[in-house]
Amino acid sequence: MSRLIKPDDDDLSAEAAKSLLRLRFDPRDLDRMHALATKNQDGRLTVDEQTEMESYRRVGFLLDLMHSKARRSLKRRQAGEMAEARS
C-alpha cells in the first residue's frame, strides 16, 4: 500500500491534498470500531467481527497514508510560498 500511495512524496496539488484531508470515518464507524476494540480486549469477538475489525484497520491504515501525503504536500507548498514571498 505504501508503495502505491508513496506517502513521502509531496506532489499533490493543494486542492487534492485538502480533499484527502476531509476524508474521515463517520461517527457511527468510530463508535463501531470502539465497540469492536472493547469486545476484542475481552476476547469476545466472533469470526465475522474479527473480519470487520481487520477491514477497519486496513482502511484506517490507507487513510493514514493518504493523510500523510496530503499534509506533506501542503507543507511543501506553504514552504515554497514563504520562500517566494521572501524573494
PDB file of N, CA and C in Angstrom:
ATOM      1  N   MET A   1       0.823  -1.183   0.000  1.00  0.00           N
ATOM      2  CA  MET A   1       0.000   0.000   0.000  1.00  0.00           C
ATOM      3  C   MET A   1       0.873   1.255   0.000  1.00  0.00           C
ATOM      4  N   SER A   2       1.909   1.238   0.801  1.00  0.00           N
ATOM      5  CA  SER A   2       2.808   2.394   0.861  1.00  0.00           C
ATOM      6  C   SER A   2       3.482   2.654  -0.472  1.00  0.00           C
ATOM      7  N   ARG A   3       3.839   1.593  -1.172  1.00  0.00           N
ATOM      8  CA  ARG A   3       4.492   1.770  -2.473  1.00  0.00           C
ATOM      9  C   ARG A   3       3.530   2.356  -3.491  1.00  0.00           C
ATOM     10  N   LEU A   4       2.261   2.090  -3.335  1.00  0.00           N
ATOM     11  CA  LEU A   4       1.266   2.631  -4.255  1.00  0.00           C
ATOM     12  C   LEU A   4       0.996   4.114  -3.974  1.00  0.00           C
ATOM     13  N   ILE A   5       0.792   4.450  -2.721  1.00  0.00           N
ATOM     14  CA  ILE A   5       0.426   5.822  -2.346  1.00  0.00           C
ATOM     15  C   ILE A   5       1.642   6.729  -2.237  1.00  0.00           C
ATOM     16  N   LYS A   6       2.774   6.172  -1.847  1.00  0.00           N
ATOM     17  CA  LYS A   6       4.017   6.932  -1.680  1.00  0.00           C
ATOM     18  C   LYS A   6       3.809   8.135  -0.757  1.00  0.00           C
ATOM     19  N   PRO A   7       3.515   7.878   0.519  1.00  0.00           N
ATOM     20  CA  PRO A   7       3.204   8.977   1.433  1.00  0.00           C
ATOM     21  C   PRO A   7       4.337   9.974   1.625  1.00  0.00           C
ATOM     22  N   ASP A   8       5.569   9.576   1.322  1.00  0.00           N
ATOM     23  CA  ASP A   8       6.703  10.505   1.463  1.00  0.00           C
ATOM     24  C   ASP A   8       6.815  11.476   0.298  1.00  0.00           C
ATOM     25  N   ASP A   9       6.123  11.181  -0.795  1.00  0.00           N
ATOM     26  CA  ASP A   9       6.111  12.118  -1.920  1.00  0.00           C
ATOM     27  C   ASP A   9       5.153  13.250  -1.580  1.00  0.00           C
ATOM     28  N   ASP A  10       5.552  14.445  -1.920  1.00  0.00           N
ATOM     29  CA  ASP A  10       4.707  15.614  -1.601  1.00  0.00           C
ATOM     30  C   ASP A  10       4.271  16.303  -2.882  1.00  0.00           C
ATOM     31  N   ASP A  11       3.697  15.522  -3.789  1.00  0.00           N
ATOM     32  CA  ASP A  11       3.400  16.017  -5.127  1.00  0.00           C
ATOM     33  C   ASP A  11       1.921  16.291  -5.396  1.00  0.00           C
ATOM     34  N   LEU A  12       1.101  16.351  -4.371  1.00  0.00           N
ATOM     35  CA  LEU A  12      -0.322  16.633  -4.578  1.00  0.00           C
ATOM     36  C   LEU A  12      -0.564  18.135  -4.704  1.00  0.00           C
ATOM     37  N   SER A  13      -1.549  18.482  -5.497  1.00  0.00           N
ATOM     38  CA  SER A  13      -1.961  19.885  -5.547  1.00  0.00           C
ATOM     39  C   SER A  13      -2.600  20.233  -4.202  1.00  0.00           C
ATOM     40  N   ALA A  14      -2.673  21.504  -3.896  1.00  0.00           N
ATOM     41  CA  ALA A  14      -3.282  21.933  -2.636  1.00  0.00           C
ATOM     42  C   ALA A  14      -4.734  21.488  -2.574  1.00  0.00           C
ATOM     43  N   GLU A  15      -5.434  21.583  -3.687  1.00  0.00           N
ATOM     44  CA  GLU A  15      -6.844  21.186  -3.729  1.00  0.00           C
ATOM     45  C   GLU A  15      -7.003  19.693  -3.454  1.00  0.00           C
ATOM     46  N   ALA A  16      -6.164  18.882  -4.082  1.00  0.00           N
ATOM     47  CA  ALA A  16      -6.226  17.434  -3.870  1.00  0.00           C
ATOM     48  C   ALA A  16      -5.883  17.085  -2.423  1.00  0.00           C
ATOM     49  N   ALA A  17      -4.861  17.717  -1.882  1.00  0.00           N
ATOM     50  CA  ALA A  17      -4.452  17.450  -0.506  1.00  0.00           C
ATOM     51  C   ALA A  17      -5.565  17.801   0.476  1.00  0.00           C
ATOM     52  N   LYS A  18      -6.186  18.943   0.288  1.00  0.00           N
ATOM     53  CA  LYS A  18      -7.274  19.353   1.185  1.00  0.00           C
ATOM     54  C   LYS A  18      -8.461  18.409   1.069  1.00  0.00           C
ATOM     55  N   SER A  19      -8.724  17.931  -0.130  1.00  0.00           N
ATOM     56  CA  SER A  19      -9.824  16.975  -0.316  1.00  0.00           C
ATOM     57  C   SER A  19      -9.540  15.671   0.425  1.00  0.00           C
ATOM     58  N   LEU A  20      -8.307  15.198   0.342  1.00  0.00           N
ATOM     59  CA  LEU A  20      -7.954  13.966   1.041  1.00  0.00           C
ATOM     60  C   LEU A  20      -8.057  14.137   2.556  1.00  0.00           C
ATOM     61  N   LEU A  21      -7.670  15.287   3.054  1.00  0.00           N
ATOM     62  CA  LEU A  21      -7.731  15.522   4.497  1.00  0.00           C
ATOM     63  C   LEU A  21      -9.165  15.603   5.012  1.00  0.00           C
ATOM     64  N   ARG A  22     -10.113  15.838   4.125  1.00  0.00           N
ATOM     65  CA  ARG A  22     -11.521  15.854   4.532  1.00  0.00           C
ATOM     66  C   ARG A  22     -12.101  14.451   4.656  1.00  0.00           C
ATOM     67  N   LEU A  23     -11.406  13.447   4.129  1.00  0.00           N
ATOM     68  CA  LEU A  23     -11.881  12.068   4.246  1.00  0.00           C
ATOM     69  C   LEU A  23     -11.709  11.606   5.686  1.00  0.00           C
ATOM     70  N   ARG A  24     -12.786  11.233   6.296  1.00  0.00           N
ATOM     71  CA  ARG A  24     -12.775  10.806   7.700  1.00  0.00           C
ATOM     72  C   ARG A  24     -13.796   9.684   7.881  1.00  0.00           C
ATOM     73  N   PHE A  25     -13.599   8.896   8.923  1.00  0.00           N
ATOM     74  CA  PHE A  25     -14.602   7.918   9.291  1.00  0.00           C
ATOM     75  C   PHE A  25     -15.835   8.638   9.825  1.00  0.00           C
ATOM     76  N   ASP A  26     -16.971   8.100   9.526  1.00  0.00           N
ATOM     77  CA  ASP A  26     -18.248   8.588  10.054  1.00  0.00           C
ATOM     78  C   ASP A  26     -18.288   8.291  11.558  1.00  0.00           C
ATOM     79  N   PRO A  27     -18.949   9.137  12.347  1.00  0.00           N
ATOM     80  CA  PRO A  27     -19.040   8.871  13.787  1.00  0.00           C
ATOM     81  C   PRO A  27     -19.605   7.484  14.115  1.00  0.00           C
ATOM     82  N   ARG A  28     -20.538   6.999  13.302  1.00  0.00           N
ATOM     83  CA  ARG A  28     -21.079   5.650  13.547  1.00  0.00           C
ATOM     84  C   ARG A  28     -19.985   4.593  13.412  1.00  0.00           C
ATOM     85  N   ASP A  29     -19.099   4.786  12.423  1.00  0.00           N
ATOM     86  CA  ASP A  29     -17.993   3.847  12.247  1.00  0.00           C
ATOM     87  C   ASP A  29     -17.016   3.928  13.409  1.00  0.00           C
ATOM     88  N   LEU A  30     -16.750   5.140  13.876  1.00  0.00           N
ATOM     89  CA  LEU A  30     -15.864   5.296  15.040  1.00  0.00           C
ATOM     90  C   LEU A  30     -16.440   4.592  16.258  1.00  0.00           C
ATOM     91  N   ASP A  31     -17.760   4.730  16.449  1.00  0.00           N
ATOM     92  CA  ASP A  31     -18.419   4.045  17.561  1.00  0.00           C
ATOM     93  C   ASP A  31     -18.311   2.534  17.401  1.00  0.00           C
ATOM     94  N   ARG A  32     -18.507   2.056  16.167  1.00  0.00           N
ATOM     95  CA  ARG A  32     -18.430   0.613  15.919  1.00  0.00           C
ATOM     96  C   ARG A  32     -17.005   0.108  16.163  1.00  0.00           C
ATOM     97  N   MET A  33     -16.002   0.865  15.713  1.00  0.00           N
ATOM     98  CA  MET A  33     -14.619   0.457  15.948  1.00  0.00           C
ATOM     99  C   MET A  33     -14.319   0.380  17.437  1.00  0.00           C
ATOM    100  N   HIS A  34     -14.831   1.342  18.182  1.00  0.00           N
ATOM    101  CA  HIS A  34     -14.620   1.331  19.634  1.00  0.00           C
ATOM    102  C   HIS A  34     -15.279   0.100  20.260  1.00  0.00           C
ATOM    103  N   ALA A  35     -16.501  -0.195  19.842  1.00  0.00           N
ATOM    104  CA  ALA A  35     -17.210  -1.365  20.369  1.00  0.00           C
ATOM    105  C   ALA A  35     -16.446  -2.654  20.043  1.00  0.00           C
ATOM    106  N   LEU A  36     -15.950  -2.749  18.816  1.00  0.00           N
ATOM    107  CA  LEU A  36     -15.188  -3.939  18.429  1.00  0.00           C
ATOM    108  C   LEU A  36     -13.892  -4.046  19.224  1.00  0.00           C
ATOM    109  N   ALA A  37     -13.207  -2.925  19.419  1.00  0.00           N
ATOM    110  CA  ALA A  37     -11.951  -2.935  20.177  1.00  0.00           C
ATOM    111  C   ALA A  37     -12.191  -3.367  21.620  1.00  0.00           C
ATOM    112  N   THR A  38     -13.260  -2.857  22.215  1.00  0.00           N
ATOM    113  CA  THR A  38     -13.594  -3.226  23.592  1.00  0.00           C
ATOM    114  C   THR A  38     -13.915  -4.711  23.678  1.00  0.00           C
ATOM    115  N   LYS A  39     -14.711  -5.175  22.744  1.00  0.00           N
ATOM    116  CA  LYS A  39     -15.077  -6.597  22.724  1.00  0.00           C
ATOM    117  C   LYS A  39     -13.841  -7.469  22.481  1.00  0.00           C
ATOM    118  N   ASN A  40     -12.931  -6.982  21.655  1.00  0.00           N
ATOM    119  CA  ASN A  40     -11.697  -7.720  21.380  1.00  0.00           C
ATOM    120  C   ASN A  40     -10.830  -7.838  22.635  1.00  0.00           C
ATOM    121  N   GLN A  41     -10.763  -6.770  23.413  1.00  0.00           N
ATOM    122  CA  GLN A  41      -9.984  -6.800  24.652  1.00  0.00           C
ATOM    123  C   GLN A  41     -10.517  -7.848  25.618  1.00  0.00           C
ATOM    124  N   ASP A  42     -11.817  -8.072  25.545  1.00  0.00           N
ATOM    125  CA  ASP A  42     -12.443  -9.077  26.408  1.00  0.00           C
ATOM    126  C   ASP A  42     -12.396 -10.468  25.783  1.00  0.00           C
ATOM    127  N   GLY A  43     -11.846 -10.572  24.566  1.00  0.00           N
ATOM    128  CA  GLY A  43     -11.747 -11.859  23.894  1.00  0.00           C
ATOM    129  C   GLY A  43     -13.079 -12.420  23.442  1.00  0.00           C
ATOM    130  N   ARG A  44     -14.020 -11.524  23.098  1.00  0.00           N
ATOM    131  CA  ARG A  44     -15.368 -11.977  22.754  1.00  0.00           C
ATOM    132  C   ARG A  44     -15.761 -11.722  21.295  1.00  0.00           C
ATOM    133  N   LEU A  45     -14.802 -11.455  20.423  1.00  0.00           N
ATOM    134  CA  LEU A  45     -15.141 -11.197  19.020  1.00  0.00           C
ATOM    135  C   LEU A  45     -15.495 -12.486  18.293  1.00  0.00           C
ATOM    136  N   THR A  46     -16.532 -12.409  17.482  1.00  0.00           N
ATOM    137  CA  THR A  46     -16.855 -13.523  16.600  1.00  0.00           C
ATOM    138  C   THR A  46     -15.911 -13.460  15.399  1.00  0.00           C
ATOM    139  N   VAL A  47     -15.927 -14.496  14.591  1.00  0.00           N
ATOM    140  CA  VAL A  47     -15.088 -14.515  13.386  1.00  0.00           C
ATOM    141  C   VAL A  47     -15.491 -13.362  12.463  1.00  0.00           C
ATOM    142  N   ASP A  48     -16.786 -13.121  12.301  1.00  0.00           N
ATOM    143  CA  ASP A  48     -17.248 -12.015  11.460  1.00  0.00           C
ATOM    144  C   ASP A  48     -16.796 -10.668  12.008  1.00  0.00           C
ATOM    145  N   GLU A  49     -16.834 -10.526  13.315  1.00  0.00           N
ATOM    146  CA  GLU A  49     -16.390  -9.273  13.927  1.00  0.00           C
ATOM    147  C   GLU A  49     -14.885  -9.091  13.789  1.00  0.00           C
ATOM    148  N   GLN A  50     -14.139 -10.168  13.858  1.00  0.00           N
ATOM    149  CA  GLN A  50     -12.692 -10.083  13.634  1.00  0.00           C
ATOM    150  C   GLN A  50     -12.406  -9.603  12.214  1.00  0.00           C
ATOM    151  N   THR A  51     -13.157 -10.123  11.260  1.00  0.00           N
ATOM    152  CA  THR A  51     -13.008  -9.706   9.862  1.00  0.00           C
ATOM    153  C   THR A  51     -13.376  -8.236   9.710  1.00  0.00           C
ATOM    154  N   GLU A  52     -14.445  -7.826  10.356  1.00  0.00           N
ATOM    155  CA  GLU A  52     -14.881  -6.430  10.310  1.00  0.00           C
ATOM    156  C   GLU A  52     -13.822  -5.508  10.917  1.00  0.00           C
ATOM    157  N   MET A  53     -13.261  -5.915  12.045  1.00  0.00           N
ATOM    158  CA  MET A  53     -12.241  -5.105  12.700  1.00  0.00           C
ATOM    159  C   MET A  53     -10.988  -4.998  11.825  1.00  0.00           C
ATOM    160  N   GLU A  54     -10.626  -6.086  11.180  1.00  0.00           N
ATOM    161  CA  GLU A  54      -9.469  -6.071  10.284  1.00  0.00           C
ATOM    162  C   GLU A  54      -9.725  -5.146   9.092  1.00  0.00           C
ATOM    163  N   SER A  55     -10.934  -5.119   8.594  1.00  0.00           N
ATOM    164  CA  SER A  55     -11.282  -4.210   7.489  1.00  0.00           C
ATOM    165  C   SER A  55     -11.147  -2.758   7.919  1.00  0.00           C
ATOM    166  N   TYR A  56     -11.647  -2.440   9.099  1.00  0.00           N
ATOM    167  CA  TYR A  56     -11.491  -1.081   9.625  1.00  0.00           C
ATOM    168  C   TYR A  56     -10.014  -0.729   9.768  1.00  0.00           C
ATOM    169  N   ARG A  57      -9.214  -1.682  10.247  1.00  0.00           N
ATOM    170  CA  ARG A  57      -7.791  -1.437  10.427  1.00  0.00           C
ATOM    171  C   ARG A  57      -7.114  -1.130   9.097  1.00  0.00           C
ATOM    172  N   ARG A  58      -7.451  -1.897   8.080  1.00  0.00           N
ATOM    173  CA  ARG A  58      -6.848  -1.684   6.761  1.00  0.00           C
ATOM    174  C   ARG A  58      -7.256  -0.346   6.156  1.00  0.00           C
ATOM    175  N   VAL A  59      -8.523  -0.018   6.270  1.00  0.00           N
ATOM    176  CA  VAL A  59      -8.989   1.267   5.749  1.00  0.00           C
ATOM    177  C   VAL A  59      -8.337   2.410   6.524  1.00  0.00           C
ATOM    178  N   GLY A  60      -8.212   2.250   7.835  1.00  0.00           N
ATOM    179  CA  GLY A  60      -7.561   3.264   8.659  1.00  0.00           C
ATOM    180  C   GLY A  60      -6.113   3.465   8.257  1.00  0.00           C
ATOM    181  N   PHE A  61      -5.417   2.374   7.963  1.00  0.00           N
ATOM    182  CA  PHE A  61      -4.026   2.463   7.516  1.00  0.00           C
ATOM    183  C   PHE A  61      -3.946   3.211   6.187  1.00  0.00           C
ATOM    184  N   LEU A  62      -4.832   2.890   5.260  1.00  0.00           N
ATOM    185  CA  LEU A  62      -4.880   3.572   3.966  1.00  0.00           C
ATOM    186  C   LEU A  62      -5.148   5.064   4.159  1.00  0.00           C
ATOM    187  N   LEU A  63      -6.086   5.382   5.014  1.00  0.00           N
ATOM    188  CA  LEU A  63      -6.415   6.777   5.299  1.00  0.00           C
ATOM    189  C   LEU A  63      -5.224   7.510   5.910  1.00  0.00           C
ATOM    190  N   ASP A  64      -4.512   6.850   6.817  1.00  0.00           N
ATOM    191  CA  ASP A  64      -3.309   7.455   7.416  1.00  0.00           C
ATOM    192  C   ASP A  64      -2.255   7.764   6.357  1.00  0.00           C
ATOM    193  N   LEU A  65      -2.047   6.839   5.421  1.00  0.00           N
ATOM    194  CA  LEU A  65      -1.073   7.070   4.352  1.00  0.00           C
ATOM    195  C   LEU A  65      -1.483   8.257   3.479  1.00  0.00           C
ATOM    196  N   MET A  66      -2.747   8.308   3.121  1.00  0.00           N
ATOM    197  CA  MET A  66      -3.221   9.409   2.268  1.00  0.00           C
ATOM    198  C   MET A  66      -3.132  10.743   2.997  1.00  0.00           C
ATOM    199  N   HIS A  67      -3.480  10.744   4.282  1.00  0.00           N
ATOM    200  CA  HIS A  67      -3.386  11.983   5.062  1.00  0.00           C
ATOM    201  C   HIS A  67      -1.941  12.440   5.193  1.00  0.00           C
ATOM    202  N   SER A  68      -1.034  11.495   5.372  1.00  0.00           N
ATOM    203  CA  SER A  68       0.383  11.840   5.476  1.00  0.00           C
ATOM    204  C   SER A  68       0.864  12.517   4.196  1.00  0.00           C
ATOM    205  N   LYS A  69       0.523  11.933   3.073  1.00  0.00           N
ATOM    206  CA  LYS A  69       0.918  12.507   1.788  1.00  0.00           C
ATOM    207  C   LYS A  69       0.309  13.904   1.618  1.00  0.00           C
ATOM    208  N   ALA A  70      -0.936  14.047   1.997  1.00  0.00           N
ATOM    209  CA  ALA A  70      -1.618  15.337   1.859  1.00  0.00           C
ATOM    210  C   ALA A  70      -0.956  16.405   2.733  1.00  0.00           C
ATOM    211  N   ARG A  71      -0.662  16.057   3.985  1.00  0.00           N
ATOM    212  CA  ARG A  71      -0.019  17.028   4.882  1.00  0.00           C
ATOM    213  C   ARG A  71       1.358  17.424   4.377  1.00  0.00           C
ATOM    214  N   ARG A  72       2.138  16.444   3.888  1.00  0.00           N
ATOM    215  CA  ARG A  72       3.468  16.747   3.348  1.00  0.00           C
ATOM    216  C   ARG A  72       3.364  17.668   2.136  1.00  0.00           C
ATOM    217  N   SER A  73       2.387  17.398   1.288  1.00  0.00           N
ATOM    218  CA  SER A  73       2.203  18.221   0.086  1.00  0.00           C
ATOM    219  C   SER A  73       1.852  19.656   0.455  1.00  0.00           C
ATOM    220  N   LEU A  74       0.941  19.815   1.403  1.00  0.00           N
ATOM    221  CA  LEU A  74       0.566  21.166   1.832  1.00  0.00           C
ATOM    222  C   LEU A  74       1.746  21.886   2.492  1.00  0.00           C
ATOM    223  N   LYS A  75       2.502  21.166   3.293  1.00  0.00           N
ATOM    224  CA  LYS A  75       3.664  21.765   3.959  1.00  0.00           C
ATOM    225  C   LYS A  75       4.692  22.228   2.930  1.00  0.00           C
ATOM    226  N   ARG A  76       4.935  21.414   1.915  1.00  0.00           N
ATOM    227  CA  ARG A  76       5.895  21.791   0.871  1.00  0.00           C
ATOM    228  C   ARG A  76       5.400  23.029   0.127  1.00  0.00           C
ATOM    229  N   ARG A  77       4.125  23.056  -0.187  1.00  0.00           N
ATOM    230  CA  ARG A  77       3.570  24.213  -0.909  1.00  0.00           C
ATOM    231  C   ARG A  77       3.669  25.481  -0.063  1.00  0.00           C
ATOM    232  N   GLN A  78       3.374  25.367   1.221  1.00  0.00           N
ATOM    233  CA  GLN A  78       3.464  26.530   2.107  1.00  0.00           C
ATOM    234  C   GLN A  78       4.904  27.015   2.220  1.00  0.00           C
ATOM    235  N   ALA A  79       5.837  26.087   2.309  1.00  0.00           N
ATOM    236  CA  ALA A  79       7.249  26.456   2.388  1.00  0.00           C
ATOM    237  C   ALA A  79       7.679  27.160   1.098  1.00  0.00           C
ATOM    238  N   GLY A  80       7.213  26.666  -0.030  1.00  0.00           N
ATOM    239  CA  GLY A  80       7.532  27.290  -1.311  1.00  0.00           C
ATOM    240  C   GLY A  80       6.947  28.688  -1.425  1.00  0.00           C
ATOM    241  N   GLU A  81       5.735  28.860  -0.946  1.00  0.00           N
ATOM    242  CA  GLU A  81       5.091  30.176  -0.986  1.00  0.00           C
ATOM    243  C   GLU A  81       5.828  31.172  -0.077  1.00  0.00           C
ATOM    244  N   MET A  82       6.274  30.695   1.076  1.00  0.00           N
ATOM    245  CA  MET A  82       7.004  31.557   2.001  1.00  0.00           C
ATOM    246  C   MET A  82       8.333  31.970   1.403  1.00  0.00           C
ATOM    247  N   ALA A  83       9.001  31.031   0.730  1.00  0.00           N
ATOM    248  CA  ALA A  83      10.293  31.332   0.107  1.00  0.00           C
ATOM    249  C   ALA A  83      10.114  32.364  -1.018  1.00  0.00           C
ATOM    250  N   GLU A  84       9.038  32.214  -1.783  1.00  0.00           N
ATOM    251  CA  GLU A  84       8.750  33.174  -2.848  1.00  0.00           C
ATOM    252  C   GLU A  84       8.459  34.556  -2.292  1.00  0.00           C
ATOM    253  N   ALA A  85       7.736  34.600  -1.181  1.00  0.00           N
ATOM    254  CA  ALA A  85       7.383  35.873  -0.570  1.00  0.00           C
ATOM    255  C   ALA A  85       8.630  36.614  -0.063  1.00  0.00           C
ATOM    256  N   ARG A  86       9.632  35.869   0.380  1.00  0.00           N
ATOM    257  CA  ARG A  86      10.849  36.481   0.878  1.00  0.00           C
ATOM    258  C   ARG A  86      11.737  37.006  -0.242  1.00  0.00           C
ATOM    259  N   SER A  87      11.543  36.468  -1.441  1.00  0.00           N
ATOM    260  CA  SER A  87      12.406  36.852  -2.584  1.00  0.00           C
ATOM    261  C   SER A  87      12.056  38.211  -3.116  1.00  0.00           C
TER     262      SER A  87
END
